[in-house]
Structures are given as C-alpha cells and as structure tokens.
Amino acid sequence: MAQKIILDVDTGTDDAIALMTAALSPDIELIGVTTVNGNCPVDICTENTLRVLAHIGVDIPVYEGYPLPLVSTLSPGRKPNIPKQDFGEVHGKYLEIPPASSKKQSQHAVDWLIETYLQSDGDIILVPVGPLTNIAMAIRKEPRILDKIPELVIMGGGHEVVNITPSAEFNFWVDPEAARIVMNCGRSIRLIPLDATHQALFSQQTCAKLRQLGTPAATAAAILAERRICAYDAWQPMAEPGAAPIHDALAVCAIIDRTVVDTIFVNVDVETQGELTDGRTVCDVHRRSQKEPNAYVALNTDSAKFEKMMLDILGQSAS
C-alpha cells in the first residue's frame, strides 16, 4: 500500500520538485499540503504550490499556514528572526509555471493538521521541508496529535554543512524556536540535513535527461533545476560544477526507499540564543551531552540511486 504523507512546504524551486515527486510516486499517497513562510512569503508559497499541482494534473488540497516565524507570534519582546525575502536567484518569486485556477482551502493549515491527525489511524508521515513554524504551532496547540504522528521526515538543519550563516541552515535559521520544539517533540524523527542533500544533485546532464522524458513534471523539474544550477554556480558552488542540490526531494525519496540515505542515531537540538549561532543544528555525534538520541540523521546519500528514482518518478504522468 502507498504510504500516506502530508508535505509542509515553502514552495520555491526544490519544494516544487518534491511536490511533484510525492504526487506522482506510486509508493506515496499525498493527502494534503500545508504552506509556510520561508523561501517566499507564505501567500506566494501557496500560489506556487497550487501552480505545481495543477501543472501535473493532480487535485490535492492546499492549506495556508503561518506568515511569520514562531517568535513573532509567541515572544513579541524578542526581535523576530525574519530573513530578507530575497532569494530570487535560487527561487524567483512566482515559479515559471502558469497560474492555477484552483484555490487554497479556507481552513488554516495548523487547524487542518490537528483535525487530520486526531481523526487518523496514526498512519500519516509528516514531511516538513520548510521552516517548522506550522508544525511547532500544531504541537503547542494540540499536543495529542503527537500520538498520531508515526514519523516526521524533516528536511532541515546541517551538521557540517550550512548555507545561510556560518552556523545555520536556512529552514532552522528562519524559525529556530520552532525547530527546537519539533526536534524535542518525542516522536520518531528522520532528519535530512544539508550534509545529505548536498549529495543529492541535479546536473546539467540530469536536466537533459529530464527534458528527454517530456512529461509535464520532468520538463518543469528541468526548468527549475537549471535555475538552481545557475544560482548555485554563482552563489554557492558545489563540488561538482554545473550541479545543484534538490534538498526537499531527498526527504520524499527517503520515504519511498530508506536506503537512499545513510543515517546515524544521535541527539539533535537547535540553538536559539547564540549571537553567532542562532539556528545552529547541534548533532551530538560524539555523545558529549549524554542525552538520549532523538533523531536518525542522514549524513550520506546514494547519489546514483537518488537520480534514478527522480527520473523514474518524474517521467510519469498523473493517471
């Protein structure tokens, strides 16, 4: 049977590819999508999500979530850690996909998450691939949902690899308080950090293969990946020139086939007070804290398997 999942996204370019992967994989049943502020303001993330799903011809409900990080909601006395919404080189504003005629659902994302999990059989994996604001708010508002979440597969954080500051990965940096709440929620967690996603690359050769497949998903993925490659070559070159990581899609692939990543079981926490380290992912790989492990952290990716999975899935069309 297909694995039920919910994707929580801040749709830019890699989220879009993850959405198409989840929606088209025969091994996944994508029951709904929630959106959050991150790569773009939340309203643009929502519109981009609707565009992606319409482009590949699937009808999956989309629920809009929080427009600001958790600290802005819960701690007005502290300066909110709101990033500049200027990631045009990597994500643009609206994706290069025609506008959708479908609309977002009227229910707030957090309320829908709570309702869906409380009514579920405890069989829906939660897959946040953006800042964790919606997830933390759902946990704080209704802690009973934790008993119904069998696993969280989170794209975020970085052990040795970071990207937005010298200490932090973007998703955790945007809302470190939310990341800390979720990482310490007590449920089973698989964390897919930059250490793994920087091995999950699309090259120009991959994009050429996608274009040859000719499906709506493959063609869109090639366009989005080529944009990412240009931006990464200029801004954060990979070890392999002419290639860019497709971070969020790796989290989806790790649900389809756990062997696409190698994990270690360690304690993970998130820094929320450091002047230089706000949002840092603290992976206790040497067991210095003596705290119990709470997450399976992916540090390595089978790059060839990842590429094959992506080509196989994006080469399909919605039935």
Protein backbone atom coordinates (compact mmCIF):
# COMPACT_ATOMS: atom_id res chain seq x y z
CA MET A 1 0.00 0.00 0.00
CA ALA A 2 1.10 3.55 -0.67
CA GLN A 3 2.42 5.46 2.34
CA LYS A 4 0.20 8.37 3.35
CA ILE A 5 2.07 11.64 3.87
CA ILE A 6 1.48 15.34 4.42
CA LEU A 7 4.00 17.78 2.96
CA ASP A 8 4.62 21.09 4.70
CA VAL A 9 6.35 23.35 2.17
CA ASP A 10 7.62 26.88 1.48
CA THR A 11 7.42 26.40 -2.24
CA GLY A 12 10.28 27.61 -4.20
CA THR A 13 12.12 25.51 -6.69
CA ASP A 14 13.20 22.43 -4.72
CA ASP A 15 9.86 22.23 -2.89
CA ALA A 16 8.19 22.19 -6.31
CA ILE A 17 10.22 19.17 -7.38
CA ALA A 18 9.48 17.46 -4.05
CA LEU A 19 5.75 18.11 -4.54
CA MET A 20 5.79 16.55 -7.99
CA THR A 21 7.77 13.57 -6.71
CA ALA A 22 5.31 12.93 -3.87
CA ALA A 23 2.23 13.44 -6.02
CA LEU A 24 3.41 11.12 -8.81
CA SER A 25 5.11 8.33 -6.89
CA PRO A 26 3.01 5.15 -6.76
CA ASP A 27 4.52 4.47 -3.34
CA ILE A 28 3.10 7.65 -1.77
CA GLU A 29 -0.40 8.95 -1.14
CA LEU A 30 -0.13 12.70 -0.72
CA ILE A 31 -3.27 13.53 1.24
CA GLY A 32 -2.68 17.26 1.62
CA VAL A 33 -0.16 20.09 1.54
CA THR A 34 0.40 22.90 4.03
CA THR A 35 2.40 26.04 3.29
CA VAL A 36 4.60 28.23 5.48
CA ASN A 37 6.70 31.38 5.22
CA GLY A 38 10.25 30.65 4.08
CA ASN A 39 11.69 30.77 0.59
CA CYS A 40 8.94 33.25 -0.26
CA PRO A 41 6.16 34.99 1.69
CA VAL A 42 3.52 32.42 2.56
CA ASP A 43 0.92 33.68 0.07
CA ILE A 44 3.41 33.24 -2.76
CA CYS A 45 4.38 29.80 -1.43
CA THR A 46 0.70 28.87 -1.54
CA GLU A 47 0.23 30.13 -5.09
CA ASN A 48 3.37 28.32 -6.23
CA THR A 49 2.12 25.10 -4.64
CA LEU A 50 -1.23 25.39 -6.42
CA ARG A 51 0.57 26.03 -9.71
CA VAL A 52 2.75 22.95 -9.35
CA LEU A 53 -0.12 20.59 -8.55
CA ALA A 54 -2.28 21.97 -11.35
CA HIS A 55 0.61 21.73 -13.81
CA ILE A 56 0.91 17.97 -13.31
CA GLY A 57 -2.85 17.46 -13.22
CA VAL A 58 -3.45 16.37 -9.63
CA ASP A 59 -6.13 17.61 -7.26
CA ILE A 60 -4.68 17.76 -3.75
CA PRO A 61 -5.91 20.26 -1.13
CA VAL A 62 -3.56 23.07 -0.09
CA TYR A 63 -3.82 24.82 3.27
CA GLU A 64 -2.02 28.07 4.01
CA GLY A 65 -0.15 28.43 7.30
CA TYR A 66 1.85 30.97 9.23
CA PRO A 67 3.31 34.08 7.57
CA LEU A 68 5.90 34.76 10.32
CA PRO A 69 8.27 32.75 12.49
CA LEU A 70 7.15 31.47 15.87
CA VAL A 71 8.96 34.16 17.88
CA SER A 72 6.86 36.82 16.21
CA THR A 73 3.73 35.07 17.49
CA LEU A 74 4.82 33.94 20.93
CA SER A 75 7.63 36.26 22.00
CA PRO A 76 6.89 39.83 20.86
CA GLY A 77 9.63 41.18 23.11
CA ARG A 78 12.33 39.42 21.13
CA LYS A 79 13.40 40.66 17.74
CA PRO A 80 11.86 38.30 15.20
CA ASN A 81 14.33 36.31 13.16
CA ILE A 82 12.78 37.12 9.79
CA PRO A 83 15.00 36.61 6.77
CA LYS A 84 15.07 39.00 3.88
CA GLN A 85 12.68 37.74 1.24
CA ASP A 86 15.32 38.00 -1.46
CA PHE A 87 16.22 34.59 -2.78
CA GLY A 88 15.42 35.47 -6.37
CA GLU A 89 18.50 33.86 -7.81
CA VAL A 90 17.51 30.44 -6.46
CA HIS A 91 13.72 30.54 -6.27
CA GLY A 92 12.42 33.63 -8.02
CA LYS A 93 9.09 34.94 -6.81
CA TYR A 94 6.40 33.06 -8.66
CA LEU A 95 7.54 29.83 -10.27
CA GLU A 96 7.82 29.64 -14.05
CA ILE A 97 4.59 27.65 -14.19
CA PRO A 98 1.25 29.11 -15.31
CA PRO A 99 -1.14 30.31 -12.59
CA ALA A 100 -3.64 27.74 -11.32
CA SER A 101 -7.41 28.10 -11.38
CA SER A 102 -7.73 26.15 -8.12
CA LYS A 103 -7.75 27.97 -4.78
CA LYS A 104 -6.33 27.27 -1.35
CA GLN A 105 -8.63 25.75 1.26
CA SER A 106 -10.23 28.17 3.70
CA GLN A 107 -9.14 26.27 6.82
CA HIS A 108 -5.83 27.30 8.40
CA ALA A 109 -3.01 24.82 7.93
CA VAL A 110 -2.47 24.26 11.66
CA ASP A 111 -6.15 23.59 12.32
CA TRP A 112 -6.26 21.17 9.40
CA LEU A 113 -3.15 19.35 10.63
CA ILE A 114 -4.65 18.94 14.09
CA GLU A 115 -8.02 17.77 12.79
CA THR A 116 -6.47 15.38 10.28
CA TYR A 117 -4.12 13.73 12.74
CA LEU A 118 -6.70 13.40 15.53
CA GLN A 119 -9.07 11.68 13.09
CA SER A 120 -6.35 9.49 11.53
CA ASP A 121 -5.33 5.91 12.23
CA GLY A 122 -1.81 7.07 13.08
CA ASP A 123 -0.53 6.17 9.62
CA ILE A 124 0.33 9.55 8.06
CA ILE A 125 4.01 10.52 7.95
CA LEU A 126 4.58 14.25 8.35
CA VAL A 127 7.18 15.68 5.96
CA PRO A 128 8.14 19.30 6.69
CA VAL A 129 10.62 20.67 4.15
CA GLY A 130 10.50 24.35 5.12
CA PRO A 131 10.67 26.27 8.40
CA LEU A 132 8.90 24.34 11.16
CA THR A 133 6.50 27.06 12.31
CA ASN A 134 3.28 25.25 11.39
CA ILE A 135 4.40 22.01 12.98
CA ALA A 136 5.52 23.62 16.23
CA MET A 137 2.28 25.59 16.48
CA ALA A 138 0.21 22.45 15.91
CA ILE A 139 2.13 20.63 18.65
CA ARG A 140 1.70 23.51 21.10
CA LYS A 141 -1.98 23.97 20.29
CA GLU A 142 -2.89 20.28 20.48
CA PRO A 143 -0.16 18.01 21.91
CA ARG A 144 -2.38 14.95 21.42
CA ILE A 145 -1.50 14.90 17.73
CA LEU A 146 1.96 13.57 18.65
CA ASP A 147 0.45 10.19 19.48
CA LYS A 148 -0.91 10.05 15.93
CA ILE A 149 2.27 11.01 14.04
CA PRO A 150 4.19 7.78 13.30
CA GLU A 151 7.25 9.60 11.99
CA LEU A 152 8.49 13.02 10.94
CA VAL A 153 10.86 13.18 7.98
CA ILE A 154 12.33 16.67 8.12
CA MET A 155 14.47 18.42 5.54
CA GLY A 156 16.41 20.94 7.55
CA GLY A 157 19.49 21.66 9.57
CA GLY A 158 23.11 20.94 8.89
CA HIS A 159 25.82 19.16 10.86
CA GLU A 160 28.98 20.11 8.99
CA VAL A 161 27.28 21.79 6.01
CA VAL A 162 25.38 25.09 6.36
CA ASN A 163 24.12 27.68 3.91
CA ILE A 164 22.56 30.85 5.33
CA THR A 165 25.03 31.83 8.08
CA PRO A 166 28.40 30.40 9.13
CA SER A 167 26.47 28.26 11.63
CA ALA A 168 23.00 27.56 10.31
CA GLU A 169 20.88 26.02 7.58
CA PHE A 170 18.08 28.17 6.19
CA ASN A 171 14.97 26.31 7.44
CA PHE A 172 16.19 26.07 11.02
CA TRP A 173 17.56 29.63 10.96
CA VAL A 174 14.25 31.13 9.85
CA ASP A 175 12.48 29.74 12.93
CA PRO A 176 14.93 28.20 15.41
CA GLU A 177 12.40 28.15 18.26
CA ALA A 178 10.03 26.09 16.14
CA ALA A 179 12.84 23.78 15.08
CA ARG A 180 13.79 23.21 18.72
CA ILE A 181 10.21 22.37 19.70
CA VAL A 182 9.83 19.87 16.88
CA MET A 183 13.23 18.22 17.33
CA ASN A 184 12.38 17.66 21.00
CA CYS A 185 8.80 16.52 20.49
CA GLY A 186 9.48 12.90 21.42
CA ARG A 187 8.32 11.32 18.17
CA SER A 188 10.38 9.30 15.70
CA ILE A 189 12.35 11.71 13.51
CA ARG A 190 14.47 11.26 10.42
CA LEU A 191 16.41 14.44 9.76
CA ILE A 192 17.64 15.09 6.21
CA PRO A 193 20.19 17.91 6.63
CA LEU A 194 22.41 19.67 4.10
CA ASP A 195 25.15 17.08 4.72
CA ALA A 196 22.94 14.61 2.81
CA THR A 197 21.15 16.95 0.41
CA HIS A 198 24.39 18.39 -0.95
CA GLN A 199 24.98 14.90 -2.31
CA ALA A 200 21.51 14.83 -3.94
CA LEU A 201 22.35 16.86 -7.02
CA PHE A 202 20.81 17.53 -10.40
CA SER A 203 23.47 18.26 -13.01
CA GLN A 204 23.02 19.75 -16.45
CA GLN A 205 23.15 16.16 -17.70
CA THR A 206 20.28 15.25 -15.36
CA CYS A 207 18.27 18.15 -16.72
CA ALA A 208 18.88 16.97 -20.27
CA LYS A 209 17.60 13.51 -19.32
CA LEU A 210 14.51 15.09 -17.77
CA ARG A 211 13.78 17.09 -20.90
CA GLN A 212 14.04 13.91 -22.97
CA LEU A 213 11.35 12.30 -20.81
CA GLY A 214 8.98 15.07 -21.88
CA THR A 215 6.35 14.73 -19.17
CA PRO A 216 4.94 17.86 -17.54
CA ALA A 217 6.75 17.04 -14.29
CA ALA A 218 10.08 16.22 -15.91
CA THR A 219 10.03 19.32 -18.07
CA ALA A 220 9.14 21.58 -15.15
CA ALA A 221 11.79 19.93 -12.97
CA ALA A 222 14.43 20.57 -15.64
CA ILE A 223 13.49 24.26 -15.87
CA LEU A 224 13.53 24.69 -12.09
CA ALA A 225 16.76 22.74 -11.64
CA GLU A 226 18.53 24.74 -14.34
CA ARG A 227 17.60 27.91 -12.48
CA ARG A 228 19.06 26.40 -9.31
CA ILE A 229 22.26 25.37 -11.09
CA CYS A 230 22.87 28.91 -12.37
CA ALA A 231 22.29 30.33 -8.90
CA TYR A 232 24.44 27.77 -7.09
CA ASP A 233 27.30 28.12 -9.57
CA ALA A 234 27.31 31.84 -8.81
CA TRP A 235 26.44 31.82 -5.12
CA GLN A 236 27.43 28.51 -3.54
CA PRO A 237 29.26 26.24 -5.99
CA MET A 238 29.02 22.52 -5.37
CA ALA A 239 31.98 20.15 -5.54
CA GLU A 240 30.57 19.13 -8.92
CA PRO A 241 30.42 22.25 -11.15
CA GLY A 242 27.18 22.74 -13.05
CA ALA A 243 25.05 21.00 -10.44
CA ALA A 244 22.68 21.99 -7.63
CA PRO A 245 21.11 20.20 -4.67
CA ILE A 246 17.41 19.33 -4.77
CA HIS A 247 17.10 19.34 -0.99
CA ASP A 248 13.42 18.70 -0.39
CA ALA A 249 13.01 15.91 -2.93
CA LEU A 250 15.54 13.83 -1.00
CA ALA A 251 13.21 13.77 2.02
CA VAL A 252 10.44 12.37 -0.19
CA CYS A 253 12.78 9.81 -1.72
CA ALA A 254 13.85 8.70 1.77
CA ILE A 255 10.24 7.70 2.44
CA ILE A 256 9.99 5.74 -0.80
CA ASP A 257 13.32 3.97 -0.24
CA ARG A 258 15.04 4.36 3.12
CA THR A 259 18.35 3.13 1.65
CA VAL A 260 18.80 6.30 -0.44
CA VAL A 261 20.39 7.84 2.70
CA ASP A 262 22.60 6.51 5.49
CA THR A 263 21.68 7.67 8.98
CA ILE A 264 23.15 7.77 12.47
CA PHE A 265 21.03 7.83 15.64
CA VAL A 266 22.07 10.79 17.81
CA ASN A 267 20.70 13.56 19.97
CA VAL A 268 19.86 16.70 17.98
CA ASP A 269 18.97 20.11 19.37
CA VAL A 270 18.79 23.62 17.92
CA GLU A 271 20.48 26.77 19.22
CA THR A 272 18.10 29.65 19.88
CA GLN A 273 20.18 32.10 21.93
CA GLY A 274 23.59 32.28 20.27
CA GLU A 275 24.72 35.64 18.95
CA LEU A 276 26.72 33.91 16.21
CA THR A 277 24.98 30.55 16.17
CA ASP A 278 21.23 31.22 16.10
CA GLY A 279 19.55 28.29 14.36
CA ARG A 280 22.59 26.00 14.53
CA THR A 281 21.84 22.28 14.40
CA VAL A 282 23.68 20.62 17.29
CA CYS A 283 24.20 16.95 16.44
CA ASP A 284 25.83 15.15 19.35
CA VAL A 285 27.74 12.68 17.18
CA HIS A 286 30.37 12.13 19.88
CA ARG A 287 27.79 11.63 22.69
CA ARG A 288 29.15 14.50 24.80
CA SER A 289 25.79 15.61 26.22
CA GLN A 290 24.79 12.16 27.50
CA LYS A 291 21.28 12.95 26.26
CA GLU A 292 19.27 10.17 24.66
CA PRO A 293 19.31 10.10 20.85
CA ASN A 294 16.17 11.60 19.35
CA ALA A 295 16.75 11.57 15.59
CA TYR A 296 18.11 9.49 12.77
CA VAL A 297 20.34 11.96 10.94
CA ALA A 298 21.23 11.42 7.29
CA LEU A 299 24.84 12.28 6.59
CA ASN A 300 25.33 10.43 3.28
CA THR A 301 23.25 9.94 0.13
CA ASP A 302 23.36 7.30 -2.59
CA SER A 303 23.55 9.89 -5.36
CA ALA A 304 23.09 7.45 -8.24
CA LYS A 305 20.01 5.93 -6.62
CA PHE A 306 18.57 9.38 -5.96
CA GLU A 307 18.95 10.43 -9.60
CA LYS A 308 17.42 7.17 -10.87
CA MET A 309 14.46 7.49 -8.52
CA MET A 310 13.83 11.05 -9.64
CA LEU A 311 13.99 10.20 -13.32
CA ASP A 312 11.69 7.21 -12.85
CA ILE A 313 9.09 9.19 -10.89
CA LEU A 314 9.16 12.48 -12.79
CA GLY A 315 8.93 10.53 -16.03
CA GLN A 316 5.39 9.55 -15.08
CA SER A 317 2.21 11.47 -15.73
CA ALA A 318 -0.78 11.71 -13.41
CA SER A 319 -3.32 8.96 -14.08
